[in-house]
Amino acid sequence: MKPEFENIALHDNKAANRFEMKFEHRDSLVEYEIDGDIISLLHTEVDPALEGRGAGTAMVEKVLNEIKDRNMQLIPLCPFVVAYIKRHPEWENLIVTR
């Protein structure tokens, strides 16, 4: 994760079923669905002004850490999240195996 994103807080907007991160007054988000201890990541969205700067990667890293901290299992449905996990196989242990 780029240093400029390390201290940006991740907010779980449970009412909207999404994680949110604000950087330079611009929003990034990851939409999800939860079923018990399983979370499905559906869609990642980054403000166009932040694209290519590592905001999406930072967002996914923060979300995966949150999932790990909550001892949840993951179903990655978002193509961006799937691609991230392929590049960082250390996160594969979160993926549902049943």
PDB file of N, CA and C in Angstrom:
ATOM      1  N   MET A   1       0.844  -1.170   0.000  1.00  0.00           N
ATOM      2  CA  MET A   1       0.000   0.000   0.000  1.00  0.00           C
ATOM      3  C   MET A   1       0.894   1.239   0.000  1.00  0.00           C
ATOM      4  N   LYS A   2       0.525   2.193  -0.822  1.00  0.00           N
ATOM      5  CA  LYS A   2       1.290   3.432  -0.870  1.00  0.00           C
ATOM      6  C   LYS A   2       1.135   4.183   0.451  1.00  0.00           C
ATOM      7  N   PRO A   3       2.218   4.803   0.930  1.00  0.00           N
ATOM      8  CA  PRO A   3       2.183   5.494   2.220  1.00  0.00           C
ATOM      9  C   PRO A   3       1.066   6.531   2.342  1.00  0.00           C
ATOM     10  N   GLU A   4       0.697   7.173   1.252  1.00  0.00           N
ATOM     11  CA  GLU A   4      -0.332   8.216   1.325  1.00  0.00           C
ATOM     12  C   GLU A   4      -1.697   7.668   1.743  1.00  0.00           C
ATOM     13  N   PHE A   5      -1.898   6.353   1.646  1.00  0.00           N
ATOM     14  CA  PHE A   5      -3.188   5.754   2.005  1.00  0.00           C
ATOM     15  C   PHE A   5      -3.167   5.033   3.351  1.00  0.00           C
ATOM     16  N   GLU A   6      -1.994   4.859   3.949  1.00  0.00           N
ATOM     17  CA  GLU A   6      -1.875   4.054   5.161  1.00  0.00           C
ATOM     18  C   GLU A   6      -2.718   4.564   6.318  1.00  0.00           C
ATOM     19  N   ASN A   7      -2.800   5.861   6.511  1.00  0.00           N
ATOM     20  CA  ASN A   7      -3.517   6.416   7.655  1.00  0.00           C
ATOM     21  C   ASN A   7      -4.950   6.827   7.342  1.00  0.00           C
ATOM     22  N   ILE A   8      -5.458   6.435   6.187  1.00  0.00           N
ATOM     23  CA  ILE A   8      -6.835   6.743   5.819  1.00  0.00           C
ATOM     24  C   ILE A   8      -7.737   5.681   6.447  1.00  0.00           C
ATOM     25  N   ALA A   9      -8.752   6.136   7.170  1.00  0.00           N
ATOM     26  CA  ALA A   9      -9.648   5.218   7.875  1.00  0.00           C
ATOM     27  C   ALA A   9     -10.605   4.518   6.914  1.00  0.00           C
ATOM     28  N   LEU A  10     -10.877   3.275   7.229  1.00  0.00           N
ATOM     29  CA  LEU A  10     -11.880   2.490   6.521  1.00  0.00           C
ATOM     30  C   LEU A  10     -13.155   2.538   7.353  1.00  0.00           C
ATOM     31  N   HIS A  11     -14.275   2.861   6.725  1.00  0.00           N
ATOM     32  CA  HIS A  11     -15.561   2.948   7.421  1.00  0.00           C
ATOM     33  C   HIS A  11     -16.489   1.863   6.887  1.00  0.00           C
ATOM     34  N   ASP A  12     -17.104   1.119   7.791  1.00  0.00           N
ATOM     35  CA  ASP A  12     -18.083   0.108   7.401  1.00  0.00           C
ATOM     36  C   ASP A  12     -19.469   0.744   7.474  1.00  0.00           C
ATOM     37  N   ASN A  13     -20.008   1.095   6.333  1.00  0.00           N
ATOM     38  CA  ASN A  13     -21.350   1.670   6.247  1.00  0.00           C
ATOM     39  C   ASN A  13     -22.331   0.505   6.141  1.00  0.00           C
ATOM     40  N   LYS A  14     -22.716  -0.024   7.291  1.00  0.00           N
ATOM     41  CA  LYS A  14     -23.561  -1.221   7.329  1.00  0.00           C
ATOM     42  C   LYS A  14     -24.927  -0.980   6.699  1.00  0.00           C
ATOM     43  N   ALA A  15     -25.452   0.229   6.815  1.00  0.00           N
ATOM     44  CA  ALA A  15     -26.765   0.543   6.237  1.00  0.00           C
ATOM     45  C   ALA A  15     -26.746   0.424   4.715  1.00  0.00           C
ATOM     46  N   ALA A  16     -25.603   0.723   4.109  1.00  0.00           N
ATOM     47  CA  ALA A  16     -25.468   0.666   2.645  1.00  0.00           C
ATOM     48  C   ALA A  16     -24.756  -0.605   2.172  1.00  0.00           C
ATOM     49  N   ASN A  17     -24.359  -1.475   3.115  1.00  0.00           N
ATOM     50  CA  ASN A  17     -23.618  -2.702   2.781  1.00  0.00           C
ATOM     51  C   ASN A  17     -22.368  -2.404   1.970  1.00  0.00           C
ATOM     52  N   ARG A  18     -21.562  -1.508   2.504  1.00  0.00           N
ATOM     53  CA  ARG A  18     -20.315  -1.211   1.804  1.00  0.00           C
ATOM     54  C   ARG A  18     -19.277  -0.632   2.755  1.00  0.00           C
ATOM     55  N   PHE A  19     -18.024  -0.912   2.427  1.00  0.00           N
ATOM     56  CA  PHE A  19     -16.900  -0.285   3.094  1.00  0.00           C
ATOM     57  C   PHE A  19     -16.586   0.985   2.316  1.00  0.00           C
ATOM     58  N   GLU A  20     -16.213   2.036   3.038  1.00  0.00           N
ATOM     59  CA  GLU A  20     -15.930   3.315   2.398  1.00  0.00           C
ATOM     60  C   GLU A  20     -14.601   3.870   2.891  1.00  0.00           C
ATOM     61  N   MET A  21     -13.939   4.599   2.014  1.00  0.00           N
ATOM     62  CA  MET A  21     -12.694   5.279   2.342  1.00  0.00           C
ATOM     63  C   MET A  21     -12.712   6.617   1.616  1.00  0.00           C
ATOM     64  N   LYS A  22     -12.379   7.675   2.330  1.00  0.00           N
ATOM     65  CA  LYS A  22     -12.358   9.005   1.726  1.00  0.00           C
ATOM     66  C   LYS A  22     -10.916   9.498   1.682  1.00  0.00           C
ATOM     67  N   PHE A  23     -10.486   9.957   0.510  1.00  0.00           N
ATOM     68  CA  PHE A  23      -9.138  10.494   0.326  1.00  0.00           C
ATOM     69  C   PHE A  23      -9.242  11.712  -0.570  1.00  0.00           C
ATOM     70  N   GLU A  24      -8.666  12.804  -0.135  1.00  0.00           N
ATOM     71  CA  GLU A  24      -8.733  14.068  -0.881  1.00  0.00           C
ATOM     72  C   GLU A  24     -10.181  14.417  -1.245  1.00  0.00           C
ATOM     73  N   HIS A  25     -11.082  14.234  -0.293  1.00  0.00           N
ATOM     74  CA  HIS A  25     -12.516  14.538  -0.465  1.00  0.00           C
ATOM     75  C   HIS A  25     -13.158  13.702  -1.562  1.00  0.00           C
ATOM     76  N   ARG A  26     -12.571  12.581  -1.882  1.00  0.00           N
ATOM     77  CA  ARG A  26     -13.115  11.688  -2.912  1.00  0.00           C
ATOM     78  C   ARG A  26     -13.352  10.316  -2.287  1.00  0.00           C
ATOM     79  N   ASP A  27     -14.429   9.687  -2.719  1.00  0.00           N
ATOM     80  CA  ASP A  27     -14.835   8.416  -2.120  1.00  0.00           C
ATOM     81  C   ASP A  27     -14.385   7.209  -2.927  1.00  0.00           C
ATOM     82  N   SER A  28     -14.032   6.162  -2.193  1.00  0.00           N
ATOM     83  CA  SER A  28     -13.806   4.836  -2.750  1.00  0.00           C
ATOM     84  C   SER A  28     -14.686   3.896  -1.941  1.00  0.00           C
ATOM     85  N   LEU A  29     -15.128   2.808  -2.565  1.00  0.00           N
ATOM     86  CA  LEU A  29     -16.005   1.896  -1.835  1.00  0.00           C
ATOM     87  C   LEU A  29     -15.875   0.470  -2.343  1.00  0.00           C
ATOM     88  N   VAL A  30     -16.240  -0.453  -1.466  1.00  0.00           N
ATOM     89  CA  VAL A  30     -16.366  -1.867  -1.812  1.00  0.00           C
ATOM     90  C   VAL A  30     -17.724  -2.314  -1.281  1.00  0.00           C
ATOM     91  N   GLU A  31     -18.606  -2.730  -2.192  1.00  0.00           N
ATOM     92  CA  GLU A  31     -19.927  -3.214  -1.799  1.00  0.00           C
ATOM     93  C   GLU A  31     -19.836  -4.681  -1.405  1.00  0.00           C
ATOM     94  N   TYR A  32     -20.670  -5.069  -0.431  1.00  0.00           N
ATOM     95  CA  TYR A  32     -20.626  -6.442   0.060  1.00  0.00           C
ATOM     96  C   TYR A  32     -22.006  -6.947   0.448  1.00  0.00           C
ATOM     97  N   GLU A  33     -22.080  -8.274   0.628  1.00  0.00           N
ATOM     98  CA  GLU A  33     -23.222  -8.954   1.235  1.00  0.00           C
ATOM     99  C   GLU A  33     -22.663  -9.878   2.303  1.00  0.00           C
ATOM    100  N   ILE A  34     -23.355  -9.956   3.435  1.00  0.00           N
ATOM    101  CA  ILE A  34     -22.922 -10.829   4.526  1.00  0.00           C
ATOM    102  C   ILE A  34     -23.992 -11.878   4.787  1.00  0.00           C
ATOM    103  N   ASP A  35     -23.538 -13.126   4.940  1.00  0.00           N
ATOM    104  CA  ASP A  35     -24.411 -14.231   5.318  1.00  0.00           C
ATOM    105  C   ASP A  35     -23.688 -14.997   6.421  1.00  0.00           C
ATOM    106  N   GLY A  36     -24.056 -14.731   7.656  1.00  0.00           N
ATOM    107  CA  GLY A  36     -23.371 -15.349   8.791  1.00  0.00           C
ATOM    108  C   GLY A  36     -21.948 -14.854   8.890  1.00  0.00           C
ATOM    109  N   ASP A  37     -20.989 -15.787   8.795  1.00  0.00           N
ATOM    110  CA  ASP A  37     -19.576 -15.394   8.866  1.00  0.00           C
ATOM    111  C   ASP A  37     -18.926 -15.359   7.485  1.00  0.00           C
ATOM    112  N   ILE A  38     -19.759 -15.294   6.443  1.00  0.00           N
ATOM    113  CA  ILE A  38     -19.247 -15.239   5.072  1.00  0.00           C
ATOM    114  C   ILE A  38     -19.591 -13.888   4.464  1.00  0.00           C
ATOM    115  N   ILE A  39     -18.585 -13.248   3.899  1.00  0.00           N
ATOM    116  CA  ILE A  39     -18.788 -11.961   3.242  1.00  0.00           C
ATOM    117  C   ILE A  39     -18.447 -12.103   1.758  1.00  0.00           C
ATOM    118  N   SER A  40     -19.338 -11.629   0.923  1.00  0.00           N
ATOM    119  CA  SER A  40     -19.104 -11.602  -0.525  1.00  0.00           C
ATOM    120  C   SER A  40     -18.779 -10.175  -0.924  1.00  0.00           C
ATOM    121  N   LEU A  41     -17.641  -9.982  -1.567  1.00  0.00           N
ATOM    122  CA  LEU A  41     -17.276  -8.660  -2.068  1.00  0.00           C
ATOM    123  C   LEU A  41     -17.754  -8.570  -3.508  1.00  0.00           C
ATOM    124  N   LEU A  42     -18.649  -7.614  -3.763  1.00  0.00           N
ATOM    125  CA  LEU A  42     -19.373  -7.552  -5.025  1.00  0.00           C
ATOM    126  C   LEU A  42     -18.799  -6.577  -6.035  1.00  0.00           C
ATOM    127  N   HIS A  43     -18.355  -5.426  -5.560  1.00  0.00           N
ATOM    128  CA  HIS A  43     -17.998  -4.343  -6.485  1.00  0.00           C
ATOM    129  C   HIS A  43     -17.050  -3.379  -5.786  1.00  0.00           C
ATOM    130  N   THR A  44     -16.023  -2.960  -6.490  1.00  0.00           N
ATOM    131  CA  THR A  44     -15.095  -1.937  -5.999  1.00  0.00           C
ATOM    132  C   THR A  44     -15.217  -0.729  -6.903  1.00  0.00           C
ATOM    133  N   GLU A  45     -15.272   0.435  -6.287  1.00  0.00           N
ATOM    134  CA  GLU A  45     -15.406   1.673  -7.055  1.00  0.00           C
ATOM    135  C   GLU A  45     -14.469   2.731  -6.482  1.00  0.00           C
ATOM    136  N   VAL A  46     -13.726   3.364  -7.366  1.00  0.00           N
ATOM    137  CA  VAL A  46     -12.788   4.420  -6.980  1.00  0.00           C
ATOM    138  C   VAL A  46     -13.114   5.652  -7.811  1.00  0.00           C
ATOM    139  N   ASP A  47     -13.089   6.802  -7.177  1.00  0.00           N
ATOM    140  CA  ASP A  47     -13.322   8.052  -7.904  1.00  0.00           C
ATOM    141  C   ASP A  47     -12.332   8.131  -9.067  1.00  0.00           C
ATOM    142  N   PRO A  48     -12.794   8.537 -10.253  1.00  0.00           N
ATOM    143  CA  PRO A  48     -11.903   8.598 -11.422  1.00  0.00           C
ATOM    144  C   PRO A  48     -10.628   9.408 -11.185  1.00  0.00           C
ATOM    145  N   ALA A  49     -10.694  10.428 -10.350  1.00  0.00           N
ATOM    146  CA  ALA A  49      -9.505  11.243 -10.072  1.00  0.00           C
ATOM    147  C   ALA A  49      -8.437  10.462  -9.302  1.00  0.00           C
ATOM    148  N   LEU A  50      -8.831   9.354  -8.672  1.00  0.00           N
ATOM    149  CA  LEU A  50      -7.888   8.547  -7.894  1.00  0.00           C
ATOM    150  C   LEU A  50      -7.411   7.306  -8.642  1.00  0.00           C
ATOM    151  N   GLU A  51      -8.003   7.024  -9.789  1.00  0.00           N
ATOM    152  CA  GLU A  51      -7.622   5.830 -10.543  1.00  0.00           C
ATOM    153  C   GLU A  51      -6.146   5.873 -10.936  1.00  0.00           C
ATOM    154  N   GLY A  52      -5.498   4.733 -10.814  1.00  0.00           N
ATOM    155  CA  GLY A  52      -4.091   4.632 -11.175  1.00  0.00           C
ATOM    156  C   GLY A  52      -3.133   5.131 -10.110  1.00  0.00           C
ATOM    157  N   ARG A  53      -3.665   5.539  -8.964  1.00  0.00           N
ATOM    158  CA  ARG A  53      -2.821   6.066  -7.885  1.00  0.00           C
ATOM    159  C   ARG A  53      -2.681   5.091  -6.720  1.00  0.00           C
ATOM    160  N   GLY A  54      -3.325   3.938  -6.825  1.00  0.00           N
ATOM    161  CA  GLY A  54      -3.225   2.943  -5.761  1.00  0.00           C
ATOM    162  C   GLY A  54      -4.362   2.977  -4.762  1.00  0.00           C
ATOM    163  N   ALA A  55      -5.374   3.810  -4.996  1.00  0.00           N
ATOM    164  CA  ALA A  55      -6.498   3.908  -4.061  1.00  0.00           C
ATOM    165  C   ALA A  55      -7.290   2.608  -4.013  1.00  0.00           C
ATOM    166  N   GLY A  56      -7.534   2.003  -5.166  1.00  0.00           N
ATOM    167  CA  GLY A  56      -8.274   0.743  -5.198  1.00  0.00           C
ATOM    168  C   GLY A  56      -7.527  -0.363  -4.478  1.00  0.00           C
ATOM    169  N   THR A  57      -6.243  -0.441  -4.702  1.00  0.00           N
ATOM    170  CA  THR A  57      -5.414  -1.437  -4.025  1.00  0.00           C
ATOM    171  C   THR A  57      -5.437  -1.219  -2.521  1.00  0.00           C
ATOM    172  N   ALA A  58      -5.286   0.030  -2.094  1.00  0.00           N
ATOM    173  CA  ALA A  58      -5.321   0.340  -0.662  1.00  0.00           C
ATOM    174  C   ALA A  58      -6.667  -0.039  -0.061  1.00  0.00           C
ATOM    175  N   MET A  59      -7.729   0.264  -0.783  1.00  0.00           N
ATOM    176  CA  MET A  59      -9.078  -0.051  -0.311  1.00  0.00           C
ATOM    177  C   MET A  59      -9.236  -1.555  -0.119  1.00  0.00           C
ATOM    178  N   VAL A  60      -8.825  -2.335  -1.103  1.00  0.00           N
ATOM    179  CA  VAL A  60      -8.952  -3.790  -1.016  1.00  0.00           C
ATOM    180  C   VAL A  60      -8.093  -4.334   0.122  1.00  0.00           C
ATOM    181  N   GLU A  61      -6.877  -3.840   0.288  1.00  0.00           N
ATOM    182  CA  GLU A  61      -6.019  -4.294   1.387  1.00  0.00           C
ATOM    183  C   GLU A  61      -6.670  -4.028   2.729  1.00  0.00           C
ATOM    184  N   LYS A  62      -7.232  -2.842   2.898  1.00  0.00           N
ATOM    185  CA  LYS A  62      -7.891  -2.494   4.161  1.00  0.00           C
ATOM    186  C   LYS A  62      -9.109  -3.380   4.403  1.00  0.00           C
ATOM    187  N   VAL A  63      -9.888  -3.634   3.367  1.00  0.00           N
ATOM    188  CA  VAL A  63     -11.070  -4.496   3.498  1.00  0.00           C
ATOM    189  C   VAL A  63     -10.652  -5.925   3.849  1.00  0.00           C
ATOM    190  N   LEU A  64      -9.647  -6.459   3.189  1.00  0.00           N
ATOM    191  CA  LEU A  64      -9.200  -7.821   3.485  1.00  0.00           C
ATOM    192  C   LEU A  64      -8.677  -7.930   4.915  1.00  0.00           C
ATOM    193  N   ASN A  65      -7.981  -6.909   5.379  1.00  0.00           N
ATOM    194  CA  ASN A  65      -7.533  -6.910   6.776  1.00  0.00           C
ATOM    195  C   ASN A  65      -8.715  -6.886   7.733  1.00  0.00           C
ATOM    196  N   GLU A  66      -9.742  -6.140   7.401  1.00  0.00           N
ATOM    197  CA  GLU A  66     -10.950  -6.086   8.231  1.00  0.00           C
ATOM    198  C   GLU A  66     -11.631  -7.454   8.268  1.00  0.00           C
ATOM    199  N   ILE A  67     -11.725  -8.109   7.128  1.00  0.00           N
ATOM    200  CA  ILE A  67     -12.323  -9.447   7.061  1.00  0.00           C
ATOM    201  C   ILE A  67     -11.521 -10.425   7.920  1.00  0.00           C
ATOM    202  N   LYS A  68     -10.208 -10.349   7.820  1.00  0.00           N
ATOM    203  CA  LYS A  68      -9.332 -11.205   8.628  1.00  0.00           C
ATOM    204  C   LYS A  68      -9.543 -10.934  10.112  1.00  0.00           C
ATOM    205  N   ASP A  69      -9.586  -9.657  10.493  1.00  0.00           N
ATOM    206  CA  ASP A  69      -9.770  -9.293  11.900  1.00  0.00           C
ATOM    207  C   ASP A  69     -11.110  -9.770  12.455  1.00  0.00           C
ATOM    208  N   ARG A  70     -12.108  -9.863  11.599  1.00  0.00           N
ATOM    209  CA  ARG A  70     -13.442 -10.318  12.019  1.00  0.00           C
ATOM    210  C   ARG A  70     -13.591 -11.838  11.936  1.00  0.00           C
ATOM    211  N   ASN A  71     -12.529 -12.533  11.554  1.00  0.00           N
ATOM    212  CA  ASN A  71     -12.556 -13.994  11.404  1.00  0.00           C
ATOM    213  C   ASN A  71     -13.673 -14.449  10.471  1.00  0.00           C
ATOM    214  N   MET A  72     -13.838 -13.730   9.374  1.00  0.00           N
ATOM    215  CA  MET A  72     -14.853 -14.074   8.388  1.00  0.00           C
ATOM    216  C   MET A  72     -14.206 -14.815   7.225  1.00  0.00           C
ATOM    217  N   GLN A  73     -15.049 -15.465   6.427  1.00  0.00           N
ATOM    218  CA  GLN A  73     -14.594 -16.099   5.194  1.00  0.00           C
ATOM    219  C   GLN A  73     -15.072 -15.258   4.022  1.00  0.00           C
ATOM    220  N   LEU A  74     -14.379 -15.368   2.915  1.00  0.00           N
ATOM    221  CA  LEU A  74     -14.586 -14.484   1.776  1.00  0.00           C
ATOM    222  C   LEU A  74     -15.037 -15.232   0.528  1.00  0.00           C
ATOM    223  N   ILE A  75     -16.000 -14.615  -0.164  1.00  0.00           N
ATOM    224  CA  ILE A  75     -16.337 -15.008  -1.530  1.00  0.00           C
ATOM    225  C   ILE A  75     -16.035 -13.784  -2.397  1.00  0.00           C
ATOM    226  N   PRO A  76     -14.934 -13.805  -3.142  1.00  0.00           N
ATOM    227  CA  PRO A  76     -14.581 -12.647  -3.969  1.00  0.00           C
ATOM    228  C   PRO A  76     -15.307 -12.700  -5.317  1.00  0.00           C
ATOM    229  N   LEU A  77     -16.290 -11.850  -5.499  1.00  0.00           N
ATOM    230  CA  LEU A  77     -17.043 -11.789  -6.749  1.00  0.00           C
ATOM    231  C   LEU A  77     -16.634 -10.598  -7.606  1.00  0.00           C
ATOM    232  N   CYS A  78     -16.047  -9.604  -7.001  1.00  0.00           N
ATOM    233  CA  CYS A  78     -15.584  -8.416  -7.721  1.00  0.00           C
ATOM    234  C   CYS A  78     -14.304  -8.762  -8.494  1.00  0.00           C
ATOM    235  N   PRO A  79     -14.260  -8.499  -9.795  1.00  0.00           N
ATOM    236  CA  PRO A  79     -13.054  -8.816 -10.584  1.00  0.00           C
ATOM    237  C   PRO A  79     -11.788  -8.133 -10.063  1.00  0.00           C
ATOM    238  N   PHE A  80     -11.907  -6.922  -9.541  1.00  0.00           N
ATOM    239  CA  PHE A  80     -10.737  -6.219  -9.013  1.00  0.00           C
ATOM    240  C   PHE A  80     -10.185  -6.955  -7.791  1.00  0.00           C
ATOM    241  N   VAL A  81     -11.072  -7.413  -6.918  1.00  0.00           N
ATOM    242  CA  VAL A  81     -10.650  -8.164  -5.729  1.00  0.00           C
ATOM    243  C   VAL A  81     -10.034  -9.501  -6.138  1.00  0.00           C
ATOM    244  N   VAL A  82     -10.653 -10.185  -7.085  1.00  0.00           N
ATOM    245  CA  VAL A  82     -10.116 -11.464  -7.579  1.00  0.00           C
ATOM    246  C   VAL A  82      -8.700 -11.267  -8.122  1.00  0.00           C
ATOM    247  N   ALA A  83      -8.509 -10.228  -8.928  1.00  0.00           N
ATOM    248  CA  ALA A  83      -7.184  -9.947  -9.500  1.00  0.00           C
ATOM    249  C   ALA A  83      -6.174  -9.621  -8.404  1.00  0.00           C
ATOM    250  N   TYR A  84      -6.602  -8.863  -7.399  1.00  0.00           N
ATOM    251  CA  TYR A  84      -5.703  -8.517  -6.294  1.00  0.00           C
ATOM    252  C   TYR A  84      -5.244  -9.789  -5.573  1.00  0.00           C
ATOM    253  N   ILE A  85      -6.183 -10.679  -5.263  1.00  0.00           N
ATOM    254  CA  ILE A  85      -5.830 -11.902  -4.538  1.00  0.00           C
ATOM    255  C   ILE A  85      -4.932 -12.797  -5.388  1.00  0.00           C
ATOM    256  N   LYS A  86      -5.123 -12.823  -6.686  1.00  0.00           N
ATOM    257  CA  LYS A  86      -4.227 -13.600  -7.558  1.00  0.00           C
ATOM    258  C   LYS A  86      -2.801 -13.068  -7.489  1.00  0.00           C
ATOM    259  N   ARG A  87      -2.654 -11.745  -7.368  1.00  0.00           N
ATOM    260  CA  ARG A  87      -1.320 -11.133  -7.258  1.00  0.00           C
ATOM    261  C   ARG A  87      -0.752 -11.251  -5.847  1.00  0.00           C
ATOM    262  N   HIS A  88      -1.625 -11.491  -4.868  1.00  0.00           N
ATOM    263  CA  HIS A  88      -1.214 -11.565  -3.460  1.00  0.00           C
ATOM    264  C   HIS A  88      -1.821 -12.822  -2.834  1.00  0.00           C
ATOM    265  N   PRO A  89      -1.276 -13.994  -3.157  1.00  0.00           N
ATOM    266  CA  PRO A  89      -1.873 -15.256  -2.708  1.00  0.00           C
ATOM    267  C   PRO A  89      -1.891 -15.444  -1.192  1.00  0.00           C
ATOM    268  N   GLU A  90      -1.217 -14.599  -0.450  1.00  0.00           N
ATOM    269  CA  GLU A  90      -1.266 -14.707   1.010  1.00  0.00           C
ATOM    270  C   GLU A  90      -2.682 -14.478   1.548  1.00  0.00           C
ATOM    271  N   TRP A  91      -3.571 -13.922   0.728  1.00  0.00           N
ATOM    272  CA  TRP A  91      -4.960 -13.683   1.138  1.00  0.00           C
ATOM    273  C   TRP A  91      -5.880 -14.847   0.779  1.00  0.00           C
ATOM    274  N   GLU A  92      -5.399 -15.835   0.055  1.00  0.00           N
ATOM    275  CA  GLU A  92      -6.244 -16.951  -0.375  1.00  0.00           C
ATOM    276  C   GLU A  92      -6.843 -17.722   0.794  1.00  0.00           C
ATOM    277  N   ASN A  93      -6.191 -17.681   1.949  1.00  0.00           N
ATOM    278  CA  ASN A  93      -6.702 -18.417   3.110  1.00  0.00           C
ATOM    279  C   ASN A  93      -8.036 -17.859   3.615  1.00  0.00           C
ATOM    280  N   LEU A  94      -8.424 -16.667   3.178  1.00  0.00           N
ATOM    281  CA  LEU A  94      -9.718 -16.103   3.570  1.00  0.00           C
ATOM    282  C   LEU A  94     -10.868 -16.653   2.725  1.00  0.00           C
ATOM    283  N   ILE A  95     -10.558 -17.204   1.566  1.00  0.00           N
ATOM    284  CA  ILE A  95     -11.596 -17.621   0.623  1.00  0.00           C
ATOM    285  C   ILE A  95     -12.311 -18.873   1.128  1.00  0.00           C
ATOM    286  N   VAL A  96     -13.637 -18.853   1.007  1.00  0.00           N
ATOM    287  CA  VAL A  96     -14.477 -19.980   1.418  1.00  0.00           C
ATOM    288  C   VAL A  96     -14.041 -21.232   0.666  1.00  0.00           C
ATOM    289  N   THR A  97     -13.899 -22.328   1.390  1.00  0.00           N
ATOM    290  CA  THR A  97     -13.453 -23.572   0.764  1.00  0.00           C
ATOM    291  C   THR A  97     -14.532 -24.642   0.761  1.00  0.00           C
ATOM    292  N   ARG A  98     -15.690 -24.338   1.293  1.00  0.00           N
ATOM    293  CA  ARG A  98     -16.740 -25.371   1.354  1.00  0.00           C
ATOM    294  C   ARG A  98     -17.592 -25.402   0.136  1.00  0.00           C
TER     295      ARG A  98
END
